[in-house]
Amino acid sequence: MDGTQRESAQSRGEQVQAAEREAARRRLLAEAEADRVPAEETTRAVPDRRWRGGQH
């Protein structure tokens, strides 16, 4: 293998790794989106009045 072939093989390996990283990133984003709870479906936190120190 001369220098040009070695560089193209390394470049090809880097391209494959970059494609695998991108595919993994997309899978993680898709999984996170599937697990996400829309803000409209969450409830507002209401403070527990028992902890207000006698201000009933």
N, C-alpha and C. Protein backbone atom coordinates (compact mmCIF):
# COMPACT_ATOMS: atom_id res chain seq x y z
N MET A 1 0.84 -1.18 0.00
CA MET A 1 0.00 0.00 0.00
C MET A 1 0.88 1.24 0.00
N ASP A 2 0.69 2.12 -0.95
CA ASP A 2 1.47 3.35 -0.91
C ASP A 2 0.75 4.40 -0.04
N GLY A 3 1.33 5.57 0.08
CA GLY A 3 0.78 6.59 0.97
C GLY A 3 -0.63 7.02 0.62
N THR A 4 -0.94 7.12 -0.67
CA THR A 4 -2.27 7.56 -1.10
C THR A 4 -3.34 6.54 -0.72
N GLN A 5 -3.05 5.26 -0.95
CA GLN A 5 -4.02 4.21 -0.60
C GLN A 5 -4.23 4.15 0.91
N ARG A 6 -3.16 4.31 1.67
CA ARG A 6 -3.26 4.27 3.12
C ARG A 6 -4.12 5.43 3.62
N GLU A 7 -3.92 6.62 3.04
CA GLU A 7 -4.72 7.78 3.44
C GLU A 7 -6.19 7.60 3.08
N SER A 8 -6.48 7.02 1.91
CA SER A 8 -7.87 6.83 1.52
C SER A 8 -8.53 5.76 2.39
N ALA A 9 -7.77 4.74 2.79
CA ALA A 9 -8.32 3.72 3.68
C ALA A 9 -8.62 4.32 5.05
N GLN A 10 -7.72 5.15 5.55
CA GLN A 10 -7.94 5.81 6.83
C GLN A 10 -9.13 6.76 6.72
N SER A 11 -9.20 7.49 5.63
CA SER A 11 -10.30 8.41 5.42
C SER A 11 -11.63 7.64 5.37
N ARG A 12 -11.63 6.50 4.70
CA ARG A 12 -12.84 5.67 4.62
C ARG A 12 -13.24 5.18 6.01
N GLY A 13 -12.27 4.76 6.80
CA GLY A 13 -12.55 4.33 8.17
C GLY A 13 -13.15 5.45 9.00
N GLU A 14 -12.61 6.65 8.84
CA GLU A 14 -13.15 7.80 9.56
C GLU A 14 -14.56 8.12 9.11
N GLN A 15 -14.83 7.96 7.82
CA GLN A 15 -16.18 8.20 7.30
C GLN A 15 -17.17 7.19 7.89
N VAL A 16 -16.75 5.94 8.00
CA VAL A 16 -17.62 4.91 8.57
C VAL A 16 -17.90 5.22 10.04
N GLN A 17 -16.85 5.61 10.78
CA GLN A 17 -17.04 5.95 12.19
C GLN A 17 -17.97 7.15 12.35
N ALA A 18 -17.81 8.14 11.50
CA ALA A 18 -18.67 9.32 11.57
C ALA A 18 -20.12 8.94 11.28
N ALA A 19 -20.32 8.06 10.31
CA ALA A 19 -21.69 7.63 9.98
C ALA A 19 -22.29 6.84 11.14
N GLU A 20 -21.48 6.01 11.78
CA GLU A 20 -21.98 5.24 12.93
C GLU A 20 -22.33 6.16 14.09
N ARG A 21 -21.49 7.17 14.34
CA ARG A 21 -21.79 8.15 15.41
C ARG A 21 -23.08 8.90 15.12
N GLU A 22 -23.27 9.30 13.87
CA GLU A 22 -24.48 10.02 13.48
C GLU A 22 -25.71 9.14 13.66
N ALA A 23 -25.61 7.86 13.27
CA ALA A 23 -26.73 6.94 13.42
C ALA A 23 -27.06 6.74 14.90
N ALA A 24 -26.03 6.62 15.73
CA ALA A 24 -26.25 6.45 17.17
C ALA A 24 -26.90 7.71 17.76
N ARG A 25 -26.45 8.89 17.31
CA ARG A 25 -27.03 10.15 17.80
C ARG A 25 -28.51 10.23 17.44
N ARG A 26 -28.83 9.84 16.20
CA ARG A 26 -30.23 9.88 15.77
C ARG A 26 -31.09 8.90 16.57
N ARG A 27 -30.53 7.71 16.86
CA ARG A 27 -31.28 6.73 17.67
C ARG A 27 -31.54 7.28 19.07
N LEU A 28 -30.53 7.89 19.67
CA LEU A 28 -30.70 8.46 21.01
C LEU A 28 -31.72 9.58 21.03
N LEU A 29 -31.67 10.45 20.02
CA LEU A 29 -32.65 11.54 19.94
C LEU A 29 -34.06 11.01 19.75
N ALA A 30 -34.21 9.99 18.92
CA ALA A 30 -35.53 9.40 18.70
C ALA A 30 -36.06 8.76 19.98
N GLU A 31 -35.17 8.08 20.72
CA GLU A 31 -35.58 7.45 21.98
C GLU A 31 -35.96 8.51 23.01
N ALA A 32 -35.18 9.58 23.09
CA ALA A 32 -35.48 10.65 24.04
C ALA A 32 -36.81 11.32 23.69
N GLU A 33 -37.06 11.53 22.42
CA GLU A 33 -38.32 12.14 21.99
C GLU A 33 -39.50 11.23 22.32
N ALA A 34 -39.32 9.92 22.18
CA ALA A 34 -40.40 8.98 22.49
C ALA A 34 -40.70 8.97 23.99
N ASP A 35 -39.67 9.19 24.82
CA ASP A 35 -39.84 9.18 26.28
C ASP A 35 -40.29 10.52 26.84
N ARG A 36 -40.24 11.56 26.02
CA ARG A 36 -40.54 12.92 26.48
C ARG A 36 -42.03 13.05 26.83
N VAL A 37 -42.30 13.76 27.92
CA VAL A 37 -43.68 14.05 28.32
C VAL A 37 -43.96 15.50 27.95
N PRO A 38 -44.96 15.73 27.12
CA PRO A 38 -45.27 17.11 26.74
C PRO A 38 -45.62 17.97 27.96
N ALA A 39 -45.25 19.23 27.92
CA ALA A 39 -45.49 20.14 29.05
C ALA A 39 -46.97 20.23 29.39
N GLU A 40 -47.83 20.10 28.38
CA GLU A 40 -49.27 20.20 28.63
C GLU A 40 -49.79 19.05 29.51
N GLU A 41 -49.05 17.93 29.51
CA GLU A 41 -49.50 16.77 30.27
C GLU A 41 -48.93 16.72 31.68
N THR A 42 -48.06 17.65 32.02
CA THR A 42 -47.49 17.66 33.36
C THR A 42 -48.38 18.49 34.27
N THR A 43 -48.30 18.24 35.55
CA THR A 43 -49.10 19.01 36.51
C THR A 43 -48.21 20.04 37.19
N ARG A 44 -48.79 21.12 37.58
CA ARG A 44 -48.04 22.18 38.26
C ARG A 44 -47.81 21.76 39.70
N ALA A 45 -46.60 21.98 40.17
CA ALA A 45 -46.27 21.64 41.56
C ALA A 45 -46.99 22.62 42.49
N VAL A 46 -47.64 22.09 43.50
CA VAL A 46 -48.33 22.91 44.49
C VAL A 46 -47.63 22.70 45.82
N PRO A 47 -47.19 23.78 46.47
CA PRO A 47 -46.47 23.63 47.74
C PRO A 47 -47.35 23.00 48.81
N ASP A 48 -46.73 22.19 49.64
CA ASP A 48 -47.44 21.53 50.73
C ASP A 48 -47.58 22.53 51.88
N ARG A 49 -48.81 22.91 52.19
CA ARG A 49 -49.06 23.93 53.20
C ARG A 49 -48.65 23.50 54.60
N ARG A 50 -48.48 22.21 54.84
CA ARG A 50 -48.09 21.76 56.17
C ARG A 50 -46.71 22.28 56.56
N TRP A 51 -45.88 22.63 55.63
CA TRP A 51 -44.50 23.03 55.91
C TRP A 51 -44.36 24.54 56.05
N ARG A 52 -45.45 25.28 56.14
CA ARG A 52 -45.36 26.73 56.22
C ARG A 52 -45.18 27.25 57.64
N GLY A 53 -45.01 26.41 58.60
CA GLY A 53 -44.69 26.84 59.96
C GLY A 53 -45.82 27.56 60.68
N GLY A 54 -47.01 26.97 60.72
CA GLY A 54 -48.10 27.50 61.51
C GLY A 54 -48.88 28.63 60.86
N GLN A 55 -48.75 28.85 59.59
CA GLN A 55 -49.51 29.91 58.93
C GLN A 55 -50.77 29.34 58.30
N HIS A 56 -51.52 28.53 59.02
CA HIS A 56 -52.72 27.86 58.47
C HIS A 56 -53.84 28.84 58.34
